[in-house]
Amino acid sequence: MKAALYLRVANDDQNKAITAQELNLRDWANKRGYEVASVFSDRTPGTSLDRPGLQALLSELPSGQFDAVLVLSLIHI
């Protein structure tokens, strides 16, 4: 099965965080037999609805290039 990854951080200062998200998701996918077909990302504040990476992912959904979308949720309390 093929998977797309969606990564998001709040700003450009969080490059390490977005890299960590990608590494974690790739590891998760590989362990479960997924091939990573595409990676989409956004560096936008949580309040912004301007997310070109998410829009690109959504526009490619009907193409069938991937069977799943993987997203890492990080919750800080």
PDB file of N, CA and C in Angstrom:
ATOM      1  N   MET A   1       0.840  -1.176   0.000  1.00  0.00           N
ATOM      2  CA  MET A   1       0.000   0.000   0.000  1.00  0.00           C
ATOM      3  C   MET A   1       0.888   1.244   0.000  1.00  0.00           C
ATOM      4  N   LYS A   2       0.389   2.276  -0.623  1.00  0.00           N
ATOM      5  CA  LYS A   2       1.115   3.543  -0.681  1.00  0.00           C
ATOM      6  C   LYS A   2       0.477   4.554   0.262  1.00  0.00           C
ATOM      7  N   ALA A   3       1.336   5.376   0.861  1.00  0.00           N
ATOM      8  CA  ALA A   3       0.851   6.366   1.818  1.00  0.00           C
ATOM      9  C   ALA A   3       1.422   7.734   1.491  1.00  0.00           C
ATOM     10  N   ALA A   4       0.648   8.756   1.830  1.00  0.00           N
ATOM     11  CA  ALA A   4       1.116  10.140   1.788  1.00  0.00           C
ATOM     12  C   ALA A   4       1.316  10.573   3.237  1.00  0.00           C
ATOM     13  N   LEU A   5       2.334  11.386   3.460  1.00  0.00           N
ATOM     14  CA  LEU A   5       2.574  11.944   4.786  1.00  0.00           C
ATOM     15  C   LEU A   5       2.159  13.402   4.779  1.00  0.00           C
ATOM     16  N   TYR A   6       1.516  13.849   5.863  1.00  0.00           N
ATOM     17  CA  TYR A   6       1.213  15.267   6.026  1.00  0.00           C
ATOM     18  C   TYR A   6       1.889  15.743   7.296  1.00  0.00           C
ATOM     19  N   LEU A   7       2.742  16.764   7.148  1.00  0.00           N
ATOM     20  CA  LEU A   7       3.520  17.321   8.248  1.00  0.00           C
ATOM     21  C   LEU A   7       3.130  18.782   8.431  1.00  0.00           C
ATOM     22  N   ARG A   8       3.059  19.232   9.692  1.00  0.00           N
ATOM     23  CA  ARG A   8       2.757  20.648   9.922  1.00  0.00           C
ATOM     24  C   ARG A   8       3.428  21.130  11.191  1.00  0.00           C
ATOM     25  N   VAL A   9       3.998  22.313  11.095  1.00  0.00           N
ATOM     26  CA  VAL A   9       4.517  23.022  12.263  1.00  0.00           C
ATOM     27  C   VAL A   9       4.009  24.452  12.196  1.00  0.00           C
ATOM     28  N   ALA A  10       4.098  25.149  13.322  1.00  0.00           N
ATOM     29  CA  ALA A  10       3.535  26.493  13.412  1.00  0.00           C
ATOM     30  C   ALA A  10       4.395  27.570  12.766  1.00  0.00           C
ATOM     31  N   ASN A  11       5.713  27.321  12.634  1.00  0.00           N
ATOM     32  CA  ASN A  11       6.557  28.360  12.031  1.00  0.00           C
ATOM     33  C   ASN A  11       7.866  27.756  11.508  1.00  0.00           C
ATOM     34  N   ASP A  12       8.618  28.566  10.794  1.00  0.00           N
ATOM     35  CA  ASP A  12       9.872  28.112  10.198  1.00  0.00           C
ATOM     36  C   ASP A  12      10.933  27.767  11.234  1.00  0.00           C
ATOM     37  N   ASP A  13      10.785  28.228  12.467  1.00  0.00           N
ATOM     38  CA  ASP A  13      11.759  27.935  13.508  1.00  0.00           C
ATOM     39  C   ASP A  13      11.684  26.483  13.987  1.00  0.00           C
ATOM     40  N   GLN A  14      10.696  25.751  13.535  1.00  0.00           N
ATOM     41  CA  GLN A  14      10.484  24.386  14.006  1.00  0.00           C
ATOM     42  C   GLN A  14      10.922  23.338  12.971  1.00  0.00           C
ATOM     43  N   ASN A  15      11.998  23.609  12.245  1.00  0.00           N
ATOM     44  CA  ASN A  15      12.466  22.664  11.233  1.00  0.00           C
ATOM     45  C   ASN A  15      12.812  21.304  11.828  1.00  0.00           C
ATOM     46  N   LYS A  16      13.369  21.288  13.032  1.00  0.00           N
ATOM     47  CA  LYS A  16      13.679  20.007  13.673  1.00  0.00           C
ATOM     48  C   LYS A  16      12.408  19.217  13.946  1.00  0.00           C
ATOM     49  N   ALA A  17      11.357  19.915  14.330  1.00  0.00           N
ATOM     50  CA  ALA A  17      10.093  19.250  14.632  1.00  0.00           C
ATOM     51  C   ALA A  17       9.485  18.625  13.380  1.00  0.00           C
ATOM     52  N   ILE A  18       9.559  19.318  12.262  1.00  0.00           N
ATOM     53  CA  ILE A  18       8.975  18.767  11.042  1.00  0.00           C
ATOM     54  C   ILE A  18       9.810  17.586  10.544  1.00  0.00           C
ATOM     55  N   THR A  19      11.124  17.665  10.727  1.00  0.00           N
ATOM     56  CA  THR A  19      11.990  16.545  10.357  1.00  0.00           C
ATOM     57  C   THR A  19      11.691  15.339  11.239  1.00  0.00           C
ATOM     58  N   ALA A  20      11.492  15.571  12.526  1.00  0.00           N
ATOM     59  CA  ALA A  20      11.164  14.483  13.451  1.00  0.00           C
ATOM     60  C   ALA A  20       9.826  13.840  13.093  1.00  0.00           C
ATOM     61  N   GLN A  21       8.838  14.657  12.715  1.00  0.00           N
ATOM     62  CA  GLN A  21       7.550  14.112  12.302  1.00  0.00           C
ATOM     63  C   GLN A  21       7.726  13.180  11.106  1.00  0.00           C
ATOM     64  N   GLU A  22       8.495  13.645  10.120  1.00  0.00           N
ATOM     65  CA  GLU A  22       8.695  12.831   8.916  1.00  0.00           C
ATOM     66  C   GLU A  22       9.404  11.525   9.249  1.00  0.00           C
ATOM     67  N   LEU A  23      10.453  11.589  10.054  1.00  0.00           N
ATOM     68  CA  LEU A  23      11.173  10.368  10.424  1.00  0.00           C
ATOM     69  C   LEU A  23      10.272   9.388  11.175  1.00  0.00           C
ATOM     70  N   ASN A  24       9.471   9.902  12.119  1.00  0.00           N
ATOM     71  CA  ASN A  24       8.552   9.034  12.870  1.00  0.00           C
ATOM     72  C   ASN A  24       7.510   8.389  11.970  1.00  0.00           C
ATOM     73  N   LEU A  25       6.947   9.177  11.065  1.00  0.00           N
ATOM     74  CA  LEU A  25       5.928   8.626  10.171  1.00  0.00           C
ATOM     75  C   LEU A  25       6.521   7.633   9.178  1.00  0.00           C
ATOM     76  N   ARG A  26       7.707   7.930   8.654  1.00  0.00           N
ATOM     77  CA  ARG A  26       8.357   6.979   7.732  1.00  0.00           C
ATOM     78  C   ARG A  26       8.659   5.662   8.444  1.00  0.00           C
ATOM     79  N   ASP A  27       9.132   5.738   9.674  1.00  0.00           N
ATOM     80  CA  ASP A  27       9.409   4.537  10.453  1.00  0.00           C
ATOM     81  C   ASP A  27       8.127   3.733  10.666  1.00  0.00           C
ATOM     82  N   TRP A  28       7.057   4.428  11.064  1.00  0.00           N
ATOM     83  CA  TRP A  28       5.766   3.772  11.288  1.00  0.00           C
ATOM     84  C   TRP A  28       5.295   3.085  10.001  1.00  0.00           C
ATOM     85  N   ALA A  29       5.387   3.805   8.875  1.00  0.00           N
ATOM     86  CA  ALA A  29       4.947   3.268   7.587  1.00  0.00           C
ATOM     87  C   ALA A  29       5.772   2.045   7.184  1.00  0.00           C
ATOM     88  N   ASN A  30       7.088   2.152   7.305  1.00  0.00           N
ATOM     89  CA  ASN A  30       7.957   1.038   6.918  1.00  0.00           C
ATOM     90  C   ASN A  30       7.682  -0.212   7.731  1.00  0.00           C
ATOM     91  N   LYS A  31       7.456  -0.051   9.026  1.00  0.00           N
ATOM     92  CA  LYS A  31       7.188  -1.197   9.897  1.00  0.00           C
ATOM     93  C   LYS A  31       5.880  -1.888   9.544  1.00  0.00           C
ATOM     94  N   ARG A  32       4.988  -1.175   8.888  1.00  0.00           N
ATOM     95  CA  ARG A  32       3.680  -1.736   8.549  1.00  0.00           C
ATOM     96  C   ARG A  32       3.525  -2.026   7.062  1.00  0.00           C
ATOM     97  N   GLY A  33       4.622  -1.915   6.317  1.00  0.00           N
ATOM     98  CA  GLY A  33       4.602  -2.286   4.910  1.00  0.00           C
ATOM     99  C   GLY A  33       4.067  -1.235   3.951  1.00  0.00           C
ATOM    100  N   TYR A  34       3.973   0.006   4.398  1.00  0.00           N
ATOM    101  CA  TYR A  34       3.538   1.079   3.513  1.00  0.00           C
ATOM    102  C   TYR A  34       4.733   1.644   2.751  1.00  0.00           C
ATOM    103  N   GLU A  35       4.520   1.982   1.511  1.00  0.00           N
ATOM    104  CA  GLU A  35       5.496   2.725   0.725  1.00  0.00           C
ATOM    105  C   GLU A  35       5.097   4.198   0.779  1.00  0.00           C
ATOM    106  N   VAL A  36       6.017   5.063   1.156  1.00  0.00           N
ATOM    107  CA  VAL A  36       5.713   6.493   1.204  1.00  0.00           C
ATOM    108  C   VAL A  36       5.778   7.036  -0.225  1.00  0.00           C
ATOM    109  N   ALA A  37       4.620   7.433  -0.749  1.00  0.00           N
ATOM    110  CA  ALA A  37       4.517   7.893  -2.134  1.00  0.00           C
ATOM    111  C   ALA A  37       4.656   9.403  -2.253  1.00  0.00           C
ATOM    112  N   SER A  38       4.226  10.144  -1.238  1.00  0.00           N
ATOM    113  CA  SER A  38       4.244  11.606  -1.288  1.00  0.00           C
ATOM    114  C   SER A  38       4.378  12.174   0.116  1.00  0.00           C
ATOM    115  N   VAL A  39       4.978  13.351   0.192  1.00  0.00           N
ATOM    116  CA  VAL A  39       5.093  14.066   1.463  1.00  0.00           C
ATOM    117  C   VAL A  39       4.600  15.490   1.239  1.00  0.00           C
ATOM    118  N   PHE A  40       3.677  15.925   2.083  1.00  0.00           N
ATOM    119  CA  PHE A  40       3.128  17.280   2.021  1.00  0.00           C
ATOM    120  C   PHE A  40       3.399  17.940   3.362  1.00  0.00           C
ATOM    121  N   SER A  41       3.709  19.230   3.350  1.00  0.00           N
ATOM    122  CA  SER A  41       3.976  19.901   4.614  1.00  0.00           C
ATOM    123  C   SER A  41       3.556  21.360   4.578  1.00  0.00           C
ATOM    124  N   ASP A  42       3.294  21.870   5.762  1.00  0.00           N
ATOM    125  CA  ASP A  42       2.953  23.282   5.947  1.00  0.00           C
ATOM    126  C   ASP A  42       3.690  23.812   7.159  1.00  0.00           C
ATOM    127  N   ARG A  43       4.103  25.053   7.047  1.00  0.00           N
ATOM    128  CA  ARG A  43       4.695  25.785   8.171  1.00  0.00           C
ATOM    129  C   ARG A  43       3.833  27.030   8.378  1.00  0.00           C
ATOM    130  N   THR A  44       2.732  26.842   9.101  1.00  0.00           N
ATOM    131  CA  THR A  44       1.774  27.926   9.295  1.00  0.00           C
ATOM    132  C   THR A  44       1.257  27.909  10.731  1.00  0.00           C
ATOM    133  N   PRO A  45       0.894  29.074  11.249  1.00  0.00           N
ATOM    134  CA  PRO A  45       0.290  29.123  12.589  1.00  0.00           C
ATOM    135  C   PRO A  45      -0.997  28.301  12.630  1.00  0.00           C
ATOM    136  N   GLY A  46      -1.311  27.776  13.795  1.00  0.00           N
ATOM    137  CA  GLY A  46      -2.510  26.965  13.950  1.00  0.00           C
ATOM    138  C   GLY A  46      -3.796  27.684  13.602  1.00  0.00           C
ATOM    139  N   THR A  47      -3.795  29.003  13.702  1.00  0.00           N
ATOM    140  CA  THR A  47      -5.004  29.765  13.412  1.00  0.00           C
ATOM    141  C   THR A  47      -5.165  30.069  11.929  1.00  0.00           C
ATOM    142  N   SER A  48      -4.118  29.832  11.135  1.00  0.00           N
ATOM    143  CA  SER A  48      -4.170  30.147   9.712  1.00  0.00           C
ATOM    144  C   SER A  48      -4.873  29.048   8.926  1.00  0.00           C
ATOM    145  N   LEU A  49      -5.751  29.452   8.047  1.00  0.00           N
ATOM    146  CA  LEU A  49      -6.408  28.490   7.156  1.00  0.00           C
ATOM    147  C   LEU A  49      -5.676  28.372   5.828  1.00  0.00           C
ATOM    148  N   ASP A  50      -4.612  29.155   5.649  1.00  0.00           N
ATOM    149  CA  ASP A  50      -3.806  29.112   4.433  1.00  0.00           C
ATOM    150  C   ASP A  50      -2.782  27.986   4.574  1.00  0.00           C
ATOM    151  N   ARG A  51      -3.125  26.814   4.084  1.00  0.00           N
ATOM    152  CA  ARG A  51      -2.265  25.642   4.192  1.00  0.00           C
ATOM    153  C   ARG A  51      -2.105  24.997   2.816  1.00  0.00           C
ATOM    154  N   PRO A  52      -1.156  25.503   2.032  1.00  0.00           N
ATOM    155  CA  PRO A  52      -0.991  24.993   0.672  1.00  0.00           C
ATOM    156  C   PRO A  52      -0.627  23.510   0.612  1.00  0.00           C
ATOM    157  N   GLY A  53       0.131  23.017   1.588  1.00  0.00           N
ATOM    158  CA  GLY A  53       0.467  21.595   1.599  1.00  0.00           C
ATOM    159  C   GLY A  53      -0.771  20.734   1.772  1.00  0.00           C
ATOM    160  N   LEU A  54      -1.645  21.132   2.678  1.00  0.00           N
ATOM    161  CA  LEU A  54      -2.891  20.398   2.892  1.00  0.00           C
ATOM    162  C   LEU A  54      -3.776  20.476   1.654  1.00  0.00           C
ATOM    163  N   GLN A  55      -3.851  21.645   1.036  1.00  0.00           N
ATOM    164  CA  GLN A  55      -4.654  21.787  -0.180  1.00  0.00           C
ATOM    165  C   GLN A  55      -4.120  20.901  -1.302  1.00  0.00           C
ATOM    166  N   ALA A  56      -2.788  20.813  -1.430  1.00  0.00           N
ATOM    167  CA  ALA A  56      -2.185  19.949  -2.457  1.00  0.00           C
ATOM    168  C   ALA A  56      -2.517  18.482  -2.178  1.00  0.00           C
ATOM    169  N   LEU A  57      -2.435  18.080  -0.912  1.00  0.00           N
ATOM    170  CA  LEU A  57      -2.776  16.712  -0.544  1.00  0.00           C
ATOM    171  C   LEU A  57      -4.230  16.412  -0.907  1.00  0.00           C
ATOM    172  N   LEU A  58      -5.125  17.310  -0.516  1.00  0.00           N
ATOM    173  CA  LEU A  58      -6.547  17.100  -0.804  1.00  0.00           C
ATOM    174  C   LEU A  58      -6.833  17.044  -2.294  1.00  0.00           C
ATOM    175  N   SER A  59      -6.119  17.828  -3.077  1.00  0.00           N
ATOM    176  CA  SER A  59      -6.353  17.826  -4.522  1.00  0.00           C
ATOM    177  C   SER A  59      -5.851  16.536  -5.173  1.00  0.00           C
ATOM    178  N   GLU A  60      -4.881  15.864  -4.548  1.00  0.00           N
ATOM    179  CA  GLU A  60      -4.357  14.617  -5.106  1.00  0.00           C
ATOM    180  C   GLU A  60      -5.091  13.373  -4.619  1.00  0.00           C
ATOM    181  N   LEU A  61      -5.951  13.515  -3.628  1.00  0.00           N
ATOM    182  CA  LEU A  61      -6.688  12.355  -3.117  1.00  0.00           C
ATOM    183  C   LEU A  61      -7.406  11.571  -4.212  1.00  0.00           C
ATOM    184  N   PRO A  62      -8.138  12.221  -5.108  1.00  0.00           N
ATOM    185  CA  PRO A  62      -8.867  11.455  -6.117  1.00  0.00           C
ATOM    186  C   PRO A  62      -7.977  10.722  -7.126  1.00  0.00           C
ATOM    187  N   SER A  63      -6.696  11.081  -7.208  1.00  0.00           N
ATOM    188  CA  SER A  63      -5.813  10.487  -8.214  1.00  0.00           C
ATOM    189  C   SER A  63      -5.480   9.033  -7.937  1.00  0.00           C
ATOM    190  N   GLY A  64      -5.634   8.584  -6.708  1.00  0.00           N
ATOM    191  CA  GLY A  64      -5.327   7.206  -6.364  1.00  0.00           C
ATOM    192  C   GLY A  64      -3.838   6.926  -6.224  1.00  0.00           C
ATOM    193  N   GLN A  65      -3.025   7.976  -6.116  1.00  0.00           N
ATOM    194  CA  GLN A  65      -1.581   7.788  -5.983  1.00  0.00           C
ATOM    195  C   GLN A  65      -1.198   7.216  -4.620  1.00  0.00           C
ATOM    196  N   PHE A  66      -2.094   7.307  -3.661  1.00  0.00           N
ATOM    197  CA  PHE A  66      -1.847   6.741  -2.338  1.00  0.00           C
ATOM    198  C   PHE A  66      -3.149   6.221  -1.752  1.00  0.00           C
ATOM    199  N   ASP A  67      -2.984   5.244  -0.851  1.00  0.00           N
ATOM    200  CA  ASP A  67      -4.131   4.575  -0.240  1.00  0.00           C
ATOM    201  C   ASP A  67      -4.453   5.091   1.156  1.00  0.00           C
ATOM    202  N   ALA A  68      -3.483   5.778   1.762  1.00  0.00           N
ATOM    203  CA  ALA A  68      -3.650   6.259   3.133  1.00  0.00           C
ATOM    204  C   ALA A  68      -2.916   7.576   3.301  1.00  0.00           C
ATOM    205  N   VAL A  69      -3.375   8.362   4.268  1.00  0.00           N
ATOM    206  CA  VAL A  69      -2.698   9.595   4.656  1.00  0.00           C
ATOM    207  C   VAL A  69      -2.285   9.425   6.116  1.00  0.00           C
ATOM    208  N   LEU A  70      -0.987   9.617   6.370  1.00  0.00           N
ATOM    209  CA  LEU A  70      -0.464   9.467   7.728  1.00  0.00           C
ATOM    210  C   LEU A  70      -0.143  10.836   8.299  1.00  0.00           C
ATOM    211  N   VAL A  71      -0.619  11.074   9.522  1.00  0.00           N
ATOM    212  CA  VAL A  71      -0.416  12.344  10.215  1.00  0.00           C
ATOM    213  C   VAL A  71       0.005  12.024  11.643  1.00  0.00           C
ATOM    214  N   LEU A  72       1.018  12.732  12.123  1.00  0.00           N
ATOM    215  CA  LEU A  72       1.469  12.551  13.502  1.00  0.00           C
ATOM    216  C   LEU A  72       0.843  13.638  14.359  1.00  0.00           C
ATOM    217  N   SER A  73       0.206  13.240  15.421  1.00  0.00           N
ATOM    218  CA  SER A  73      -0.416  14.203  16.327  1.00  0.00           C
ATOM    219  C   SER A  73       0.482  14.371  17.544  1.00  0.00           C
ATOM    220  N   LEU A  74       0.848  15.608  17.800  1.00  0.00           N
ATOM    221  CA  LEU A  74       1.632  15.916  19.000  1.00  0.00           C
ATOM    222  C   LEU A  74       0.810  16.850  19.867  1.00  0.00           C
ATOM    223  N   ILE A  75       0.511  16.404  21.061  1.00  0.00           N
ATOM    224  CA  ILE A  75      -0.293  17.201  21.967  1.00  0.00           C
ATOM    225  C   ILE A  75       0.576  17.545  23.178  1.00  0.00           C
ATOM    226  N   HIS A  76       0.718  18.816  23.441  1.00  0.00           N
ATOM    227  CA  HIS A  76       1.478  19.267  24.600  1.00  0.00           C
ATOM    228  C   HIS A  76       0.519  19.891  25.593  1.00  0.00           C
ATOM    229  N   ILE A  77       0.508  19.363  26.798  1.00  0.00           N
ATOM    230  CA  ILE A  77      -0.395  19.880  27.828  1.00  0.00           C
ATOM    231  C   ILE A  77       0.444  20.553  28.899  1.00  0.00           C
TER     232      ILE A  77
END
